[in-house]
Amino acid sequence: MKKFEALFATLFLGGIFLEIFEWKTAIIPFCASIVLALFYQFLGVFYFNGIALRDIFNKSAYAQTSVLRLLGTFLLAGGSMGVLVFSAVYFLFRYIGGQEIFLIGAFSGLVTLIVSFVRYQKKKDLFYVRIGVRIVLLIVLNVVLLLVVPQR
């Protein structure tokens, strides 16, 4: 799944640069962003917790992971990352409502960052660092797109 995330993140970022320079390749960042947002939302809980796709239905794969960590990863981390990816698409294609979606994603992302920071201070687990870094990168990407791409 690491290759999957890297591939679609690269396609998304490459498509953003092509779109900023006004090449007519709008389908690349749009499709990559949809796949990336859905990946974070629905498969992120398995990806961040180190559960392989073949072990999703295997009960022993979840034995070391608490229910709160699974719910937090699915609801907070996956949800905020998915919303932040969609807000980047809204900024990129100059759709109406991008700022509102960004505020929702940034607020939930900041809540996730605070929870990740507190949990990292207690447990020193790199799981929380990986989530925090991705959320910070998505927030920075959205701010850059907000400042660079002219809005309607």
N, C-alpha and C. Protein backbone atom coordinates (compact mmCIF):
# COMPACT_ATOMS: atom_id res chain seq x y z
N MET A 1 0.82 -1.20 0.00
CA MET A 1 0.00 0.00 0.00
C MET A 1 0.86 1.25 0.00
N LYS A 2 2.13 1.13 0.41
CA LYS A 2 3.01 2.30 0.38
C LYS A 2 3.25 2.75 -1.05
N LYS A 3 3.42 1.79 -1.96
CA LYS A 3 3.62 2.13 -3.36
C LYS A 3 2.36 2.77 -3.94
N PHE A 4 1.21 2.28 -3.52
CA PHE A 4 -0.06 2.83 -3.97
C PHE A 4 -0.19 4.29 -3.57
N GLU A 5 0.10 4.58 -2.30
CA GLU A 5 0.01 5.96 -1.83
C GLU A 5 1.03 6.84 -2.54
N ALA A 6 2.25 6.35 -2.70
CA ALA A 6 3.29 7.13 -3.37
C ALA A 6 2.94 7.41 -4.82
N LEU A 7 2.39 6.41 -5.51
CA LEU A 7 2.03 6.59 -6.91
C LEU A 7 0.96 7.66 -7.08
N PHE A 8 -0.12 7.55 -6.32
CA PHE A 8 -1.22 8.50 -6.51
C PHE A 8 -0.90 9.88 -5.93
N ALA A 9 -0.08 9.94 -4.90
CA ALA A 9 0.35 11.25 -4.41
C ALA A 9 1.24 11.93 -5.44
N THR A 10 2.12 11.17 -6.09
CA THR A 10 2.97 11.74 -7.14
C THR A 10 2.14 12.19 -8.34
N LEU A 11 1.18 11.37 -8.75
CA LEU A 11 0.30 11.78 -9.84
C LEU A 11 -0.48 13.04 -9.49
N PHE A 12 -0.96 13.10 -8.26
CA PHE A 12 -1.73 14.26 -7.82
C PHE A 12 -0.86 15.51 -7.81
N LEU A 13 0.33 15.43 -7.22
CA LEU A 13 1.21 16.59 -7.16
C LEU A 13 1.71 16.99 -8.54
N GLY A 14 2.04 16.00 -9.39
CA GLY A 14 2.45 16.31 -10.75
C GLY A 14 1.33 16.96 -11.53
N GLY A 15 0.11 16.47 -11.34
CA GLY A 15 -1.04 17.08 -12.00
C GLY A 15 -1.31 18.49 -11.53
N ILE A 16 -1.03 18.75 -10.25
CA ILE A 16 -1.20 20.11 -9.74
C ILE A 16 -0.26 21.07 -10.45
N PHE A 17 1.00 20.67 -10.60
CA PHE A 17 1.94 21.55 -11.29
C PHE A 17 1.56 21.73 -12.76
N LEU A 18 1.08 20.68 -13.41
CA LEU A 18 0.63 20.82 -14.79
C LEU A 18 -0.58 21.75 -14.88
N GLU A 19 -1.47 21.65 -13.92
CA GLU A 19 -2.67 22.49 -13.93
C GLU A 19 -2.32 23.95 -13.62
N ILE A 20 -1.38 24.17 -12.72
CA ILE A 20 -0.98 25.54 -12.40
C ILE A 20 -0.38 26.22 -13.63
N PHE A 21 0.40 25.44 -14.41
CA PHE A 21 0.99 26.00 -15.62
C PHE A 21 0.04 25.93 -16.81
N GLU A 22 -1.24 25.60 -16.54
CA GLU A 22 -2.34 25.63 -17.48
C GLU A 22 -2.16 24.69 -18.67
N TRP A 23 -1.59 23.52 -18.42
CA TRP A 23 -1.61 22.47 -19.42
C TRP A 23 -2.98 21.82 -19.34
N LYS A 24 -3.47 21.32 -20.41
CA LYS A 24 -4.82 20.76 -20.44
C LYS A 24 -4.80 19.27 -20.06
N THR A 25 -4.41 19.02 -18.84
CA THR A 25 -4.35 17.64 -18.32
C THR A 25 -5.12 17.56 -17.01
N ALA A 26 -6.28 18.15 -16.97
CA ALA A 26 -7.03 18.26 -15.72
C ALA A 26 -7.50 16.92 -15.19
N ILE A 27 -7.59 15.92 -16.03
CA ILE A 27 -8.10 14.63 -15.57
C ILE A 27 -7.10 13.92 -14.65
N ILE A 28 -5.82 14.20 -14.81
CA ILE A 28 -4.80 13.51 -13.99
C ILE A 28 -4.94 13.86 -12.51
N PRO A 29 -4.90 15.14 -12.11
CA PRO A 29 -5.03 15.41 -10.67
C PRO A 29 -6.42 15.09 -10.14
N PHE A 30 -7.43 15.21 -10.98
CA PHE A 30 -8.78 14.94 -10.52
C PHE A 30 -8.95 13.46 -10.17
N CYS A 31 -8.58 12.58 -11.07
CA CYS A 31 -8.71 11.14 -10.82
C CYS A 31 -7.78 10.69 -9.69
N ALA A 32 -6.55 11.18 -9.71
CA ALA A 32 -5.60 10.78 -8.65
C ALA A 32 -6.08 11.26 -7.29
N SER A 33 -6.68 12.43 -7.23
CA SER A 33 -7.14 12.94 -5.94
C SER A 33 -8.33 12.15 -5.42
N ILE A 34 -9.21 11.75 -6.30
CA ILE A 34 -10.35 10.95 -5.86
C ILE A 34 -9.87 9.61 -5.30
N VAL A 35 -8.95 8.97 -6.01
CA VAL A 35 -8.42 7.69 -5.54
C VAL A 35 -7.67 7.88 -4.22
N LEU A 36 -6.86 8.94 -4.13
CA LEU A 36 -6.09 9.19 -2.91
C LEU A 36 -7.01 9.51 -1.73
N ALA A 37 -8.04 10.32 -1.95
CA ALA A 37 -8.96 10.65 -0.86
C ALA A 37 -9.73 9.42 -0.38
N LEU A 38 -10.18 8.61 -1.31
CA LEU A 38 -10.88 7.38 -0.93
C LEU A 38 -9.95 6.39 -0.24
N PHE A 39 -8.70 6.36 -0.68
CA PHE A 39 -7.71 5.51 -0.02
C PHE A 39 -7.52 5.92 1.43
N TYR A 40 -7.33 7.23 1.65
CA TYR A 40 -7.14 7.70 3.03
C TYR A 40 -8.38 7.46 3.88
N GLN A 41 -9.56 7.68 3.29
CA GLN A 41 -10.78 7.55 4.06
C GLN A 41 -11.09 6.11 4.44
N PHE A 42 -11.00 5.20 3.49
CA PHE A 42 -11.48 3.85 3.75
C PHE A 42 -10.38 2.83 4.02
N LEU A 43 -9.22 2.99 3.40
CA LEU A 43 -8.14 2.04 3.63
C LEU A 43 -7.04 2.59 4.53
N GLY A 44 -7.14 3.85 4.90
CA GLY A 44 -6.12 4.46 5.75
C GLY A 44 -6.01 3.81 7.11
N VAL A 45 -7.12 3.34 7.64
CA VAL A 45 -7.10 2.69 8.94
C VAL A 45 -6.22 1.44 8.90
N PHE A 46 -6.23 0.73 7.81
CA PHE A 46 -5.37 -0.45 7.68
C PHE A 46 -3.94 -0.05 7.36
N TYR A 47 -3.79 0.93 6.49
CA TYR A 47 -2.46 1.37 6.07
C TYR A 47 -1.66 1.93 7.24
N PHE A 48 -2.24 2.82 8.00
CA PHE A 48 -1.51 3.46 9.09
C PHE A 48 -1.25 2.51 10.26
N ASN A 49 -2.11 1.53 10.45
CA ASN A 49 -1.93 0.57 11.54
C ASN A 49 -1.11 -0.64 11.12
N GLY A 50 -0.60 -0.66 9.89
CA GLY A 50 0.27 -1.73 9.45
C GLY A 50 -0.43 -3.06 9.22
N ILE A 51 -1.70 -3.01 8.85
CA ILE A 51 -2.46 -4.23 8.59
C ILE A 51 -2.49 -4.43 7.07
N ALA A 52 -2.00 -5.58 6.62
CA ALA A 52 -1.97 -5.87 5.19
C ALA A 52 -3.39 -6.12 4.68
N LEU A 53 -3.59 -5.88 3.39
CA LEU A 53 -4.92 -6.08 2.80
C LEU A 53 -5.39 -7.52 2.93
N ARG A 54 -4.48 -8.46 2.84
CA ARG A 54 -4.88 -9.87 2.95
C ARG A 54 -5.30 -10.23 4.38
N ASP A 55 -4.94 -9.39 5.36
CA ASP A 55 -5.25 -9.66 6.76
C ASP A 55 -6.43 -8.84 7.29
N ILE A 56 -7.14 -8.15 6.41
CA ILE A 56 -8.23 -7.29 6.86
C ILE A 56 -9.30 -8.09 7.61
N PHE A 57 -9.60 -9.27 7.12
CA PHE A 57 -10.65 -10.08 7.73
C PHE A 57 -10.09 -11.09 8.73
N ASN A 58 -8.81 -11.00 9.03
CA ASN A 58 -8.18 -11.89 9.99
C ASN A 58 -8.20 -11.23 11.37
N LYS A 59 -8.87 -11.85 12.30
CA LYS A 59 -9.05 -11.27 13.63
C LYS A 59 -7.73 -11.09 14.37
N SER A 60 -6.77 -11.94 14.12
CA SER A 60 -5.49 -11.84 14.83
C SER A 60 -4.68 -10.60 14.40
N ALA A 61 -4.99 -10.03 13.24
CA ALA A 61 -4.28 -8.83 12.79
C ALA A 61 -4.61 -7.62 13.65
N TYR A 62 -5.77 -7.66 14.30
CA TYR A 62 -6.21 -6.53 15.12
C TYR A 62 -5.92 -6.73 16.60
N ALA A 63 -5.28 -7.82 16.94
CA ALA A 63 -5.09 -8.15 18.36
C ALA A 63 -4.23 -7.12 19.09
N GLN A 64 -3.25 -6.54 18.43
CA GLN A 64 -2.35 -5.59 19.07
C GLN A 64 -2.84 -4.14 18.98
N THR A 65 -3.93 -3.91 18.28
CA THR A 65 -4.42 -2.55 18.04
C THR A 65 -5.70 -2.31 18.83
N SER A 66 -5.74 -1.19 19.56
CA SER A 66 -6.93 -0.89 20.36
C SER A 66 -8.06 -0.37 19.47
N VAL A 67 -9.26 -0.48 19.98
CA VAL A 67 -10.44 -0.02 19.25
C VAL A 67 -10.41 1.50 19.08
N LEU A 68 -9.96 2.22 20.10
CA LEU A 68 -9.88 3.68 19.99
C LEU A 68 -8.89 4.11 18.92
N ARG A 69 -7.78 3.40 18.80
CA ARG A 69 -6.80 3.73 17.77
C ARG A 69 -7.39 3.48 16.38
N LEU A 70 -8.11 2.38 16.21
CA LEU A 70 -8.73 2.10 14.92
C LEU A 70 -9.80 3.13 14.58
N LEU A 71 -10.63 3.48 15.54
CA LEU A 71 -11.68 4.49 15.30
C LEU A 71 -11.07 5.86 15.04
N GLY A 72 -10.06 6.22 15.81
CA GLY A 72 -9.40 7.51 15.60
C GLY A 72 -8.73 7.60 14.25
N THR A 73 -8.13 6.51 13.83
CA THR A 73 -7.49 6.50 12.51
C THR A 73 -8.53 6.62 11.41
N PHE A 74 -9.64 5.91 11.56
CA PHE A 74 -10.66 5.94 10.53
C PHE A 74 -11.39 7.28 10.49
N LEU A 75 -11.85 7.73 11.65
CA LEU A 75 -12.68 8.95 11.68
C LEU A 75 -11.85 10.22 11.60
N LEU A 76 -10.87 10.35 12.47
CA LEU A 76 -10.10 11.61 12.51
C LEU A 76 -9.07 11.69 11.38
N ALA A 77 -8.14 10.77 11.36
CA ALA A 77 -7.04 10.87 10.41
C ALA A 77 -7.51 10.67 8.97
N GLY A 78 -8.18 9.56 8.71
CA GLY A 78 -8.64 9.29 7.35
C GLY A 78 -9.64 10.32 6.86
N GLY A 79 -10.56 10.70 7.73
CA GLY A 79 -11.55 11.69 7.33
C GLY A 79 -10.96 13.04 7.03
N SER A 80 -10.07 13.51 7.89
CA SER A 80 -9.49 14.84 7.65
C SER A 80 -8.56 14.84 6.44
N MET A 81 -7.82 13.73 6.23
CA MET A 81 -6.96 13.68 5.04
C MET A 81 -7.78 13.63 3.76
N GLY A 82 -8.87 12.89 3.77
CA GLY A 82 -9.73 12.85 2.59
C GLY A 82 -10.34 14.20 2.27
N VAL A 83 -10.79 14.90 3.29
CA VAL A 83 -11.38 16.23 3.09
C VAL A 83 -10.32 17.22 2.61
N LEU A 84 -9.10 17.13 3.15
CA LEU A 84 -8.03 18.03 2.72
C LEU A 84 -7.62 17.78 1.27
N VAL A 85 -7.63 16.53 0.84
CA VAL A 85 -7.33 16.23 -0.57
C VAL A 85 -8.43 16.80 -1.46
N PHE A 86 -9.68 16.65 -1.07
CA PHE A 86 -10.78 17.21 -1.87
C PHE A 86 -10.75 18.74 -1.88
N SER A 87 -10.36 19.36 -0.79
CA SER A 87 -10.29 20.83 -0.80
C SER A 87 -9.17 21.31 -1.72
N ALA A 88 -8.09 20.54 -1.82
CA ALA A 88 -7.03 20.90 -2.77
C ALA A 88 -7.56 20.83 -4.20
N VAL A 89 -8.40 19.86 -4.49
CA VAL A 89 -9.00 19.77 -5.82
C VAL A 89 -9.92 20.96 -6.07
N TYR A 90 -10.68 21.34 -5.07
CA TYR A 90 -11.56 22.49 -5.23
C TYR A 90 -10.75 23.77 -5.48
N PHE A 91 -9.65 23.93 -4.79
CA PHE A 91 -8.80 25.10 -5.05
C PHE A 91 -8.19 25.03 -6.44
N LEU A 92 -7.74 23.85 -6.81
CA LEU A 92 -7.04 23.69 -8.08
C LEU A 92 -7.95 23.98 -9.27
N PHE A 93 -9.17 23.50 -9.22
CA PHE A 93 -10.09 23.69 -10.33
C PHE A 93 -10.99 24.90 -10.15
N ARG A 94 -10.74 25.67 -9.11
CA ARG A 94 -11.45 26.93 -8.86
C ARG A 94 -12.96 26.72 -8.67
N TYR A 95 -13.32 25.63 -8.01
CA TYR A 95 -14.72 25.37 -7.72
C TYR A 95 -15.16 26.25 -6.56
N ILE A 96 -16.43 26.56 -6.54
CA ILE A 96 -16.98 27.33 -5.44
C ILE A 96 -17.10 26.42 -4.21
N GLY A 97 -16.73 26.92 -3.05
CA GLY A 97 -16.84 26.16 -1.82
C GLY A 97 -15.54 25.55 -1.34
N GLY A 98 -14.46 25.81 -2.03
CA GLY A 98 -13.17 25.24 -1.65
C GLY A 98 -12.69 25.73 -0.29
N GLN A 99 -12.95 26.99 0.01
CA GLN A 99 -12.50 27.53 1.30
C GLN A 99 -13.26 26.91 2.46
N GLU A 100 -14.54 26.66 2.26
CA GLU A 100 -15.32 26.04 3.33
C GLU A 100 -14.87 24.60 3.58
N ILE A 101 -14.61 23.88 2.50
CA ILE A 101 -14.13 22.51 2.64
C ILE A 101 -12.76 22.51 3.31
N PHE A 102 -11.92 23.47 2.94
CA PHE A 102 -10.60 23.57 3.57
C PHE A 102 -10.73 23.85 5.07
N LEU A 103 -11.64 24.72 5.46
CA LEU A 103 -11.81 25.00 6.89
C LEU A 103 -12.25 23.76 7.66
N ILE A 104 -13.13 22.97 7.07
CA ILE A 104 -13.56 21.73 7.71
C ILE A 104 -12.37 20.78 7.84
N GLY A 105 -11.62 20.62 6.75
CA GLY A 105 -10.46 19.73 6.77
C GLY A 105 -9.36 20.23 7.69
N ALA A 106 -9.14 21.55 7.70
CA ALA A 106 -8.09 22.10 8.57
C ALA A 106 -8.47 21.96 10.04
N PHE A 107 -9.74 22.19 10.37
CA PHE A 107 -10.16 22.04 11.76
C PHE A 107 -10.03 20.59 12.22
N SER A 108 -10.54 19.66 11.42
CA SER A 108 -10.41 18.26 11.81
C SER A 108 -8.96 17.81 11.78
N GLY A 109 -8.17 18.37 10.86
CA GLY A 109 -6.74 18.06 10.83
C GLY A 109 -6.01 18.58 12.06
N LEU A 110 -6.38 19.78 12.51
CA LEU A 110 -5.75 20.31 13.72
C LEU A 110 -6.13 19.49 14.96
N VAL A 111 -7.38 19.04 15.02
CA VAL A 111 -7.79 18.16 16.11
C VAL A 111 -6.97 16.87 16.07
N THR A 112 -6.80 16.32 14.87
CA THR A 112 -6.01 15.11 14.72
C THR A 112 -4.56 15.35 15.11
N LEU A 113 -4.01 16.51 14.73
CA LEU A 113 -2.63 16.84 15.11
C LEU A 113 -2.47 16.94 16.62
N ILE A 114 -3.42 17.55 17.28
CA ILE A 114 -3.35 17.68 18.74
C ILE A 114 -3.41 16.31 19.40
N VAL A 115 -4.35 15.48 18.94
CA VAL A 115 -4.46 14.13 19.50
C VAL A 115 -3.19 13.33 19.21
N SER A 116 -2.66 13.44 18.00
CA SER A 116 -1.44 12.72 17.65
C SER A 116 -0.27 13.18 18.49
N PHE A 117 -0.17 14.49 18.72
CA PHE A 117 0.93 15.02 19.51
C PHE A 117 0.86 14.52 20.96
N VAL A 118 -0.33 14.57 21.53
CA VAL A 118 -0.50 14.11 22.92
C VAL A 118 -0.21 12.62 23.02
N ARG A 119 -0.73 11.83 22.09
CA ARG A 119 -0.50 10.38 22.13
C ARG A 119 0.97 10.05 21.88
N TYR A 120 1.65 10.83 21.01
CA TYR A 120 3.07 10.58 20.77
C TYR A 120 3.89 10.88 22.02
N GLN A 121 3.52 11.93 22.74
CA GLN A 121 4.23 12.26 23.97
C GLN A 121 4.11 11.14 25.01
N LYS A 122 2.97 10.45 25.02
CA LYS A 122 2.76 9.38 25.99
C LYS A 122 3.40 8.06 25.55
N LYS A 123 3.24 7.71 24.26
CA LYS A 123 3.65 6.37 23.82
C LYS A 123 4.92 6.33 22.99
N LYS A 124 5.36 7.44 22.44
CA LYS A 124 6.55 7.50 21.58
C LYS A 124 6.45 6.53 20.40
N ASP A 125 5.27 6.44 19.81
CA ASP A 125 5.03 5.56 18.68
C ASP A 125 5.09 6.38 17.38
N LEU A 126 5.84 5.90 16.39
CA LEU A 126 5.99 6.63 15.13
C LEU A 126 4.70 6.66 14.31
N PHE A 127 3.75 5.88 14.67
CA PHE A 127 2.43 5.90 14.03
C PHE A 127 1.86 7.32 14.06
N TYR A 128 1.97 7.98 15.17
CA TYR A 128 1.41 9.32 15.32
C TYR A 128 2.21 10.36 14.54
N VAL A 129 3.49 10.15 14.41
CA VAL A 129 4.32 11.07 13.62
C VAL A 129 3.95 10.97 12.14
N ARG A 130 3.76 9.75 11.64
CA ARG A 130 3.41 9.56 10.23
C ARG A 130 2.08 10.24 9.90
N ILE A 131 1.12 10.12 10.77
CA ILE A 131 -0.16 10.77 10.54
C ILE A 131 0.00 12.29 10.60
N GLY A 132 0.72 12.79 11.59
CA GLY A 132 0.92 14.22 11.73
C GLY A 132 1.63 14.84 10.54
N VAL A 133 2.65 14.16 10.04
CA VAL A 133 3.39 14.69 8.89
C VAL A 133 2.49 14.78 7.66
N ARG A 134 1.69 13.76 7.42
CA ARG A 134 0.79 13.80 6.26
C ARG A 134 -0.24 14.91 6.38
N ILE A 135 -0.78 15.11 7.55
CA ILE A 135 -1.78 16.16 7.72
C ILE A 135 -1.15 17.54 7.55
N VAL A 136 0.04 17.74 8.11
CA VAL A 136 0.72 19.03 7.95
C VAL A 136 1.01 19.28 6.48
N LEU A 137 1.48 18.27 5.75
CA LEU A 137 1.76 18.44 4.32
C LEU A 137 0.50 18.78 3.54
N LEU A 138 -0.61 18.14 3.87
CA LEU A 138 -1.86 18.45 3.17
C LEU A 138 -2.37 19.85 3.50
N ILE A 139 -2.22 20.28 4.73
CA ILE A 139 -2.64 21.64 5.09
C ILE A 139 -1.76 22.67 4.38
N VAL A 140 -0.45 22.42 4.34
CA VAL A 140 0.47 23.35 3.65
C VAL A 140 0.15 23.38 2.16
N LEU A 141 -0.11 22.22 1.56
CA LEU A 141 -0.48 22.17 0.14
C LEU A 141 -1.73 23.00 -0.13
N ASN A 142 -2.72 22.88 0.74
CA ASN A 142 -3.95 23.66 0.57
C ASN A 142 -3.71 25.14 0.72
N VAL A 143 -2.90 25.54 1.66
CA VAL A 143 -2.60 26.96 1.84
C VAL A 143 -1.86 27.51 0.62
N VAL A 144 -0.91 26.73 0.10
CA VAL A 144 -0.18 27.17 -1.09
C VAL A 144 -1.14 27.31 -2.27
N LEU A 145 -2.01 26.33 -2.45
CA LEU A 145 -2.99 26.44 -3.55
C LEU A 145 -3.95 27.60 -3.34
N LEU A 146 -4.31 27.87 -2.11
CA LEU A 146 -5.18 29.00 -1.83
C LEU A 146 -4.52 30.32 -2.21
N LEU A 147 -3.22 30.40 -1.97
CA LEU A 147 -2.49 31.63 -2.28
C LEU A 147 -2.07 31.75 -3.73
N VAL A 148 -1.78 30.63 -4.39
CA VAL A 148 -1.23 30.65 -5.73
C VAL A 148 -2.31 30.66 -6.81
N VAL A 149 -3.31 29.80 -6.67
CA VAL A 149 -4.34 29.67 -7.69
C VAL A 149 -5.37 30.78 -7.51
N PRO A 150 -5.58 31.61 -8.53
CA PRO A 150 -6.59 32.66 -8.40
C PRO A 150 -7.99 32.08 -8.31
N GLN A 151 -8.77 32.61 -7.38
CA GLN A 151 -10.14 32.13 -7.19
C GLN A 151 -11.09 32.94 -8.04
N ARG A 152 -12.25 32.38 -8.30
CA ARG A 152 -13.26 33.08 -9.10
C ARG A 152 -13.91 34.16 -8.31
